[in-house]
Amino acid sequence: MNVLLGGRIKALRTARNYTQEQVAERLRISRQKYARIENGTNSITLDILTKLADVFDVTVGDITRVLDEKPAVAYRAGTDDASAKKIFDMLDLFYANKHMYTRLQHRNMA
């Protein structure tokens, strides 16, 4: 979660052409602490989120929205996502039907 938020915060910062130093100064924290927030090493408090929203002129929801988004290729990462399960179920069904079709074709030829 921290990594996703950190990536979103970094994207907002770079979109506005701010340096880490500039943002850290406005938040009244060290640049190192801010860098750890962007890297996902440090947890982020609601107070910092609120201040970041002010700095970037967005809402807290705009920053945290990234937590609600699902990666388009989550099934490749081996996560237990419902959509990945549906894909694998469909593939299993396809191969089962293909196998049954092949057996029926061999039976009809015999």
Protein backbone atom coordinates (compact mmCIF):
# COMPACT_ATOMS: atom_id res chain seq x y z
CA MET A 1 0.00 0.00 0.00
CA ASN A 2 2.75 2.45 0.91
CA VAL A 3 4.52 1.75 -2.38
CA LEU A 4 1.37 2.51 -4.38
CA LEU A 5 0.78 5.74 -2.50
CA GLY A 6 4.42 6.70 -2.80
CA GLY A 7 4.35 6.14 -6.55
CA ARG A 8 1.23 8.27 -6.89
CA ILE A 9 2.78 11.05 -4.80
CA LYS A 10 5.95 10.95 -6.89
CA ALA A 11 3.89 11.15 -10.10
CA LEU A 12 2.05 14.20 -8.78
CA ARG A 13 5.32 15.83 -7.77
CA THR A 14 7.01 15.26 -11.11
CA ALA A 15 3.92 16.39 -13.02
CA ARG A 16 4.24 19.74 -11.25
CA ASN A 17 8.02 19.89 -11.74
CA TYR A 18 8.67 20.09 -7.99
CA THR A 19 11.80 18.71 -6.43
CA GLN A 20 11.73 16.54 -3.34
CA GLU A 21 13.36 19.39 -1.46
CA GLN A 22 10.60 21.83 -2.43
CA VAL A 23 7.83 19.48 -1.34
CA ALA A 24 9.60 18.51 1.88
CA GLU A 25 10.08 22.16 2.75
CA ARG A 26 6.39 22.89 2.26
CA LEU A 27 5.52 19.87 4.41
CA ARG A 28 8.07 20.95 7.03
CA ILE A 29 9.81 17.57 7.02
CA SER A 30 13.28 16.52 5.92
CA ARG A 31 13.94 15.61 2.30
CA GLN A 32 15.05 12.16 3.47
CA LYS A 33 11.75 11.53 5.22
CA TYR A 34 9.87 12.71 2.14
CA ALA A 35 12.00 10.44 -0.08
CA ARG A 36 11.11 7.48 2.16
CA ILE A 37 7.41 8.35 1.73
CA GLU A 38 7.81 8.33 -2.06
CA ASN A 39 9.71 5.03 -1.91
CA GLY A 40 7.04 3.45 0.25
CA THR A 41 9.43 2.86 3.14
CA ASN A 42 7.65 5.22 5.54
CA SER A 43 3.98 5.09 6.36
CA ILE A 44 2.02 8.18 5.49
CA THR A 45 -0.25 9.90 7.98
CA LEU A 46 -3.53 11.62 7.23
CA ASP A 47 -1.90 14.90 8.25
CA ILE A 48 0.83 14.48 5.62
CA LEU A 49 -1.74 13.37 3.03
CA THR A 50 -3.76 16.50 3.70
CA LYS A 51 -0.69 18.71 3.38
CA LEU A 52 0.34 16.93 0.16
CA ALA A 53 -3.12 17.50 -1.28
CA ASP A 54 -2.69 21.23 -0.59
CA VAL A 55 0.80 21.28 -2.11
CA PHE A 56 -0.33 19.51 -5.29
CA ASP A 57 -3.71 21.28 -5.40
CA VAL A 58 -5.65 18.00 -5.43
CA THR A 59 -7.90 16.21 -2.95
CA VAL A 60 -6.81 13.46 -0.59
CA GLY A 61 -9.10 11.19 -2.62
CA ASP A 62 -7.14 12.03 -5.76
CA ILE A 63 -3.99 10.79 -4.05
CA THR A 64 -5.49 7.66 -2.49
CA ARG A 65 -7.54 6.69 -5.54
CA VAL A 66 -4.57 4.59 -6.69
CA LEU A 67 -5.39 2.15 -3.88
CA ASP A 68 -8.76 1.40 -5.49
CA GLU A 69 -7.33 0.69 -8.94
CA LYS A 70 -6.58 -2.90 -9.88
CA PRO A 71 -3.59 -3.63 -12.06
CA ALA A 72 -4.55 -4.71 -15.56
CA VAL A 73 -2.13 -7.64 -15.48
CA ALA A 74 -2.56 -8.84 -11.90
CA TYR A 75 -3.09 -12.41 -13.08
CA ARG A 76 0.51 -12.45 -14.35
CA ALA A 77 1.81 -11.66 -10.88
CA GLY A 78 0.10 -14.73 -9.44
CA THR A 79 -2.27 -12.78 -7.21
CA ASP A 80 -5.51 -14.32 -6.06
CA ASP A 81 -7.68 -11.91 -7.98
CA ALA A 82 -11.25 -12.92 -8.88
CA SER A 83 -10.76 -11.94 -12.52
CA ALA A 84 -7.62 -14.08 -12.75
CA LYS A 85 -9.58 -17.03 -11.40
CA LYS A 86 -12.26 -16.46 -14.02
CA ILE A 87 -9.65 -16.45 -16.77
CA PHE A 88 -8.12 -19.70 -15.59
CA ASP A 89 -11.57 -21.28 -15.19
CA MET A 90 -12.41 -20.30 -18.77
CA LEU A 91 -9.14 -21.80 -20.01
CA ASP A 92 -9.82 -25.02 -18.11
CA LEU A 93 -13.30 -25.19 -19.61
CA PHE A 94 -11.94 -24.54 -23.09
CA TYR A 95 -9.37 -27.34 -22.85
CA ALA A 96 -11.91 -29.74 -21.34
CA ASN A 97 -14.30 -29.04 -24.23
CA LYS A 98 -11.48 -29.37 -26.74
CA HIS A 99 -10.51 -32.74 -25.25
CA MET A 100 -14.14 -33.94 -25.33
CA TYR A 101 -14.54 -32.77 -28.93
CA THR A 102 -11.39 -34.65 -29.97
CA ARG A 103 -12.62 -37.85 -28.28
CA LEU A 104 -16.00 -37.55 -30.00
CA GLN A 105 -14.32 -37.05 -33.39
CA HIS A 106 -12.24 -40.21 -32.90
CA ARG A 107 -15.34 -42.18 -31.84
CA ASN A 108 -17.31 -41.07 -34.89
CA MET A 109 -14.48 -42.09 -37.22
CA ALA A 110 -14.21 -45.56 -35.71
